[in-house]
């Protein structure tokens, strides 16, 4: 079986989520280009040792929710190659009325 040519870029996070390695490899082996977002100050094996490119760092939502939303929105605006945002844990699914951490503008 051949791996399809990557046609979509997935931004997934947080990189320290328990499911992150399995999701990364599942998407990668299906031909997706995978990037990760992670909390500033965190280092994870997924972002350090896998060929996913440099992670997109955002403020941890538990420290400053508004800044986390702003950081991710800014990253998405500057990265027009990202097609899909995939939330992997409760923190990345965080939601406050009028704000969502995983909305692509």
N, C-alpha and C. Protein backbone atom coordinates (compact mmCIF):
# COMPACT_ATOMS: atom_id res chain seq x y z
N UNK A 1 0.85 -1.18 0.00
CA UNK A 1 0.00 0.00 0.00
C UNK A 1 0.89 1.24 0.00
N UNK A 2 0.61 2.17 -0.87
CA UNK A 2 1.40 3.39 -0.93
C UNK A 2 0.75 4.49 -0.14
N UNK A 3 1.60 5.38 0.38
CA UNK A 3 1.10 6.53 1.14
C UNK A 3 0.68 7.60 0.15
N UNK A 4 -0.53 8.15 0.31
CA UNK A 4 -0.97 9.19 -0.62
C UNK A 4 -0.14 10.45 -0.48
N UNK A 5 -0.10 11.23 -1.54
CA UNK A 5 0.59 12.51 -1.51
C UNK A 5 -0.13 13.44 -0.55
N UNK A 6 0.62 14.07 0.38
CA UNK A 6 -0.04 14.97 1.32
C UNK A 6 -0.77 16.09 0.58
N UNK A 7 -2.02 16.26 0.95
CA UNK A 7 -2.80 17.30 0.30
C UNK A 7 -3.36 18.30 1.30
N UNK A 8 -3.41 17.94 2.54
CA UNK A 8 -3.96 18.80 3.58
C UNK A 8 -2.98 18.90 4.74
N UNK A 9 -2.99 20.06 5.39
CA UNK A 9 -2.18 20.25 6.58
C UNK A 9 -3.09 20.33 7.79
N UNK A 10 -2.80 19.51 8.78
CA UNK A 10 -3.57 19.45 10.02
C UNK A 10 -2.75 20.08 11.13
N UNK A 11 -3.35 21.01 11.84
CA UNK A 11 -2.74 21.57 13.05
C UNK A 11 -3.45 20.93 14.23
N UNK A 12 -2.72 20.19 15.04
CA UNK A 12 -3.35 19.48 16.15
C UNK A 12 -2.70 19.88 17.47
N UNK A 13 -3.46 19.77 18.52
CA UNK A 13 -2.92 20.11 19.82
C UNK A 13 -3.92 19.85 20.93
N UNK A 14 -3.46 19.94 22.03
CA UNK A 14 -2.12 20.32 22.44
C UNK A 14 -1.17 19.14 22.26
N UNK A 15 0.10 19.45 22.01
CA UNK A 15 1.09 18.41 21.72
C UNK A 15 1.32 17.48 22.89
N UNK A 16 0.97 17.91 24.11
CA UNK A 16 1.17 17.05 25.28
C UNK A 16 -0.05 16.19 25.59
N UNK A 17 -1.07 16.22 24.74
CA UNK A 17 -2.26 15.39 24.95
C UNK A 17 -1.88 13.91 24.86
N UNK A 18 -2.54 13.10 25.66
CA UNK A 18 -2.24 11.67 25.69
C UNK A 18 -2.40 11.04 24.30
N UNK A 19 -3.37 11.49 23.55
CA UNK A 19 -3.64 10.92 22.23
C UNK A 19 -2.72 11.46 21.13
N UNK A 20 -1.93 12.47 21.42
CA UNK A 20 -1.16 13.16 20.37
C UNK A 20 -0.27 12.24 19.53
N UNK A 21 0.56 11.37 20.12
CA UNK A 21 1.42 10.54 19.27
C UNK A 21 0.63 9.62 18.34
N UNK A 22 -0.41 9.00 18.85
CA UNK A 22 -1.20 8.09 18.03
C UNK A 22 -1.91 8.84 16.90
N UNK A 23 -2.47 9.99 17.21
CA UNK A 23 -3.14 10.80 16.19
C UNK A 23 -2.13 11.28 15.16
N UNK A 24 -0.97 11.74 15.63
CA UNK A 24 0.07 12.19 14.71
C UNK A 24 0.41 11.11 13.69
N UNK A 25 0.74 9.91 14.19
CA UNK A 25 1.16 8.85 13.28
C UNK A 25 0.02 8.39 12.38
N UNK A 26 -1.20 8.36 12.89
CA UNK A 26 -2.34 7.99 12.05
C UNK A 26 -2.52 8.94 10.89
N UNK A 27 -2.46 10.23 11.18
CA UNK A 27 -2.61 11.24 10.12
C UNK A 27 -1.41 11.21 9.16
N UNK A 28 -0.22 11.13 9.72
CA UNK A 28 1.01 11.14 8.92
C UNK A 28 1.01 9.97 7.94
N UNK A 29 0.64 8.78 8.41
CA UNK A 29 0.65 7.61 7.54
C UNK A 29 -0.47 7.62 6.51
N UNK A 30 -1.44 8.47 6.70
CA UNK A 30 -2.50 8.64 5.70
C UNK A 30 -2.17 9.75 4.71
N UNK A 31 -1.01 10.37 4.86
CA UNK A 31 -0.56 11.35 3.90
C UNK A 31 -0.75 12.81 4.26
N UNK A 32 -1.22 13.08 5.47
CA UNK A 32 -1.40 14.47 5.89
C UNK A 32 -0.07 15.06 6.37
N UNK A 33 0.09 16.34 6.15
CA UNK A 33 1.19 17.07 6.77
C UNK A 33 0.65 17.50 8.14
N UNK A 34 1.39 17.20 9.20
CA UNK A 34 0.90 17.44 10.55
C UNK A 34 1.79 18.46 11.26
N UNK A 35 1.17 19.48 11.81
CA UNK A 35 1.83 20.48 12.66
C UNK A 35 1.16 20.39 14.02
N UNK A 36 1.88 20.82 15.06
CA UNK A 36 1.29 20.78 16.40
C UNK A 36 1.31 22.17 17.02
N UNK A 37 0.33 22.41 17.90
CA UNK A 37 0.40 23.59 18.75
C UNK A 37 0.56 23.12 20.18
N UNK A 38 1.29 23.90 20.94
CA UNK A 38 1.52 23.53 22.34
C UNK A 38 1.63 24.78 23.19
N UNK A 39 1.53 24.55 24.48
CA UNK A 39 1.58 25.64 25.44
C UNK A 39 3.00 26.19 25.55
N UNK A 40 3.11 27.52 25.59
CA UNK A 40 4.42 28.14 25.78
C UNK A 40 5.03 27.60 27.07
N UNK A 41 6.31 27.30 27.01
CA UNK A 41 7.01 26.79 28.18
C UNK A 41 6.99 25.28 28.30
N UNK A 42 6.20 24.61 27.48
CA UNK A 42 6.12 23.15 27.53
C UNK A 42 7.00 22.55 26.45
N UNK A 43 7.68 21.50 26.78
CA UNK A 43 8.44 20.73 25.80
C UNK A 43 7.87 19.33 25.81
N UNK A 44 7.57 18.83 24.64
CA UNK A 44 6.98 17.50 24.55
C UNK A 44 7.78 16.64 23.58
N UNK A 45 7.79 15.33 23.79
CA UNK A 45 8.49 14.45 22.84
C UNK A 45 7.94 14.61 21.42
N UNK A 46 6.65 14.82 21.29
CA UNK A 46 6.04 14.95 19.97
C UNK A 46 6.64 16.12 19.20
N UNK A 47 6.79 17.25 19.84
CA UNK A 47 7.31 18.42 19.13
C UNK A 47 8.83 18.43 19.04
N UNK A 48 9.50 17.69 19.89
CA UNK A 48 10.97 17.69 19.88
C UNK A 48 11.56 16.66 18.94
N UNK A 49 10.89 15.51 18.76
CA UNK A 49 11.53 14.39 18.08
C UNK A 49 10.87 13.96 16.78
N UNK A 50 9.73 14.52 16.45
CA UNK A 50 9.06 14.12 15.22
C UNK A 50 9.21 15.19 14.16
N UNK A 51 9.17 14.76 12.93
CA UNK A 51 9.36 15.68 11.81
C UNK A 51 8.06 16.42 11.49
N UNK A 52 7.57 17.16 12.46
CA UNK A 52 6.33 17.90 12.22
C UNK A 52 6.60 19.39 12.05
N UNK A 53 7.86 19.77 12.06
CA UNK A 53 8.20 21.18 11.98
C UNK A 53 8.11 21.80 13.36
N UNK A 54 8.50 23.06 13.46
CA UNK A 54 8.46 23.71 14.78
C UNK A 54 7.02 23.87 15.25
N UNK A 55 6.78 23.68 16.55
CA UNK A 55 5.41 23.83 17.05
C UNK A 55 4.99 25.29 17.06
N UNK A 56 3.70 25.50 17.03
CA UNK A 56 3.13 26.83 17.24
C UNK A 56 2.88 26.95 18.73
N UNK A 57 3.55 27.88 19.37
CA UNK A 57 3.40 28.06 20.81
C UNK A 57 2.28 29.05 21.09
N UNK A 58 1.42 28.70 22.05
CA UNK A 58 0.38 29.62 22.48
C UNK A 58 0.38 29.69 24.01
N UNK A 59 -0.15 30.78 24.51
CA UNK A 59 -0.28 30.95 25.96
C UNK A 59 -1.18 29.85 26.51
N UNK A 60 -0.81 29.20 27.60
CA UNK A 60 -1.69 28.18 28.18
C UNK A 60 -3.05 28.79 28.56
N UNK A 61 -4.15 28.22 28.11
CA UNK A 61 -5.47 28.77 28.42
C UNK A 61 -5.74 28.88 29.92
N UNK A 62 -5.16 27.98 30.70
CA UNK A 62 -5.39 28.02 32.14
C UNK A 62 -4.70 29.22 32.79
N UNK A 63 -3.73 29.83 32.09
CA UNK A 63 -3.08 31.04 32.59
C UNK A 63 -3.78 32.31 32.11
N UNK A 64 -4.15 32.34 30.83
CA UNK A 64 -4.81 33.51 30.26
C UNK A 64 -5.59 33.06 29.04
N UNK A 65 -6.87 32.80 29.24
CA UNK A 65 -7.72 32.24 28.19
C UNK A 65 -7.82 33.17 26.98
N UNK A 66 -8.01 34.45 27.23
CA UNK A 66 -8.13 35.40 26.12
C UNK A 66 -6.88 35.45 25.27
N UNK A 67 -5.72 35.43 25.92
CA UNK A 67 -4.45 35.46 25.20
C UNK A 67 -4.24 34.17 24.41
N UNK A 68 -4.68 33.04 24.96
CA UNK A 68 -4.56 31.77 24.24
C UNK A 68 -5.36 31.81 22.94
N UNK A 69 -6.58 32.32 23.01
CA UNK A 69 -7.42 32.43 21.82
C UNK A 69 -6.75 33.36 20.80
N UNK A 70 -6.25 34.49 21.28
CA UNK A 70 -5.59 35.45 20.41
C UNK A 70 -4.33 34.87 19.77
N UNK A 71 -3.53 34.15 20.54
CA UNK A 71 -2.31 33.53 20.01
C UNK A 71 -2.63 32.54 18.89
N UNK A 72 -3.63 31.69 19.12
CA UNK A 72 -3.98 30.70 18.12
C UNK A 72 -4.57 31.36 16.87
N UNK A 73 -5.41 32.35 17.08
CA UNK A 73 -6.00 33.07 15.94
C UNK A 73 -4.91 33.75 15.12
N UNK A 74 -3.95 34.38 15.79
CA UNK A 74 -2.85 35.04 15.08
C UNK A 74 -2.02 34.02 14.29
N UNK A 75 -1.76 32.88 14.90
CA UNK A 75 -0.99 31.83 14.22
C UNK A 75 -1.73 31.33 12.99
N UNK A 76 -3.03 31.17 13.11
CA UNK A 76 -3.81 30.68 11.97
C UNK A 76 -3.88 31.72 10.85
N UNK A 77 -3.96 32.98 11.20
CA UNK A 77 -3.98 34.02 10.18
C UNK A 77 -2.65 34.09 9.42
N UNK A 78 -1.55 33.81 10.12
CA UNK A 78 -0.24 33.90 9.48
C UNK A 78 0.13 32.61 8.73
N UNK A 79 -0.59 31.54 8.97
CA UNK A 79 -0.29 30.24 8.35
C UNK A 79 -1.45 29.84 7.44
N UNK A 80 -1.41 30.29 6.22
CA UNK A 80 -2.50 30.00 5.28
C UNK A 80 -2.48 28.56 4.78
N UNK A 81 -1.44 27.80 5.10
CA UNK A 81 -1.36 26.41 4.65
C UNK A 81 -2.13 25.45 5.56
N UNK A 82 -2.63 25.89 6.69
CA UNK A 82 -3.34 25.01 7.62
C UNK A 82 -4.79 24.86 7.17
N UNK A 83 -5.18 23.61 6.92
CA UNK A 83 -6.52 23.33 6.43
C UNK A 83 -7.48 22.89 7.53
N UNK A 84 -6.95 22.22 8.54
CA UNK A 84 -7.78 21.61 9.57
C UNK A 84 -7.14 21.86 10.93
N UNK A 85 -7.95 22.21 11.92
CA UNK A 85 -7.48 22.31 13.30
C UNK A 85 -8.15 21.19 14.09
N UNK A 86 -7.34 20.40 14.75
CA UNK A 86 -7.84 19.23 15.47
C UNK A 86 -7.50 19.36 16.95
N UNK A 87 -8.52 19.48 17.78
CA UNK A 87 -8.35 19.56 19.23
C UNK A 87 -8.25 18.15 19.80
N UNK A 88 -7.26 17.94 20.66
CA UNK A 88 -7.01 16.59 21.17
C UNK A 88 -7.34 16.38 22.64
N UNK A 89 -7.61 17.42 23.37
CA UNK A 89 -7.87 17.25 24.80
C UNK A 89 -8.85 18.32 25.28
N UNK A 90 -9.26 18.19 26.53
CA UNK A 90 -10.24 19.13 27.07
C UNK A 90 -9.75 20.57 27.03
N UNK A 91 -8.47 20.79 27.28
CA UNK A 91 -7.95 22.16 27.31
C UNK A 91 -8.03 22.79 25.92
N UNK A 92 -7.73 22.02 24.88
CA UNK A 92 -7.80 22.58 23.53
C UNK A 92 -9.23 22.73 23.04
N UNK A 93 -10.17 22.07 23.71
CA UNK A 93 -11.59 22.23 23.38
C UNK A 93 -12.24 23.32 24.20
N UNK A 94 -11.45 23.93 25.08
CA UNK A 94 -11.97 24.96 25.98
C UNK A 94 -12.85 25.93 25.22
N UNK A 95 -13.92 26.32 25.87
CA UNK A 95 -14.85 27.24 25.21
C UNK A 95 -15.46 28.19 26.24
N UNK A 96 -15.55 29.42 25.85
CA UNK A 96 -16.19 30.46 26.64
C UNK A 96 -17.18 31.13 25.69
N UNK A 97 -18.32 31.59 26.16
CA UNK A 97 -19.26 32.23 25.23
C UNK A 97 -18.57 33.28 24.36
N UNK A 98 -18.71 33.12 23.07
CA UNK A 98 -18.12 34.08 22.13
C UNK A 98 -16.68 33.79 21.77
N UNK A 99 -16.05 32.80 22.40
CA UNK A 99 -14.66 32.47 22.11
C UNK A 99 -14.51 30.96 21.99
N UNK A 100 -13.75 30.55 21.05
CA UNK A 100 -13.42 29.13 20.92
C UNK A 100 -11.94 29.02 20.58
N UNK A 101 -11.27 28.14 21.24
CA UNK A 101 -9.84 27.98 21.01
C UNK A 101 -9.56 27.33 19.66
N UNK A 102 -10.51 26.62 19.09
CA UNK A 102 -10.23 25.87 17.87
C UNK A 102 -10.96 26.39 16.63
N UNK A 103 -11.35 27.63 16.62
CA UNK A 103 -11.98 28.22 15.42
C UNK A 103 -10.92 28.74 14.47
N UNK A 104 -11.03 28.37 13.21
CA UNK A 104 -10.13 28.94 12.21
C UNK A 104 -10.83 30.13 11.58
N UNK A 105 -10.16 31.32 11.61
CA UNK A 105 -10.81 32.51 11.05
C UNK A 105 -11.03 32.41 9.56
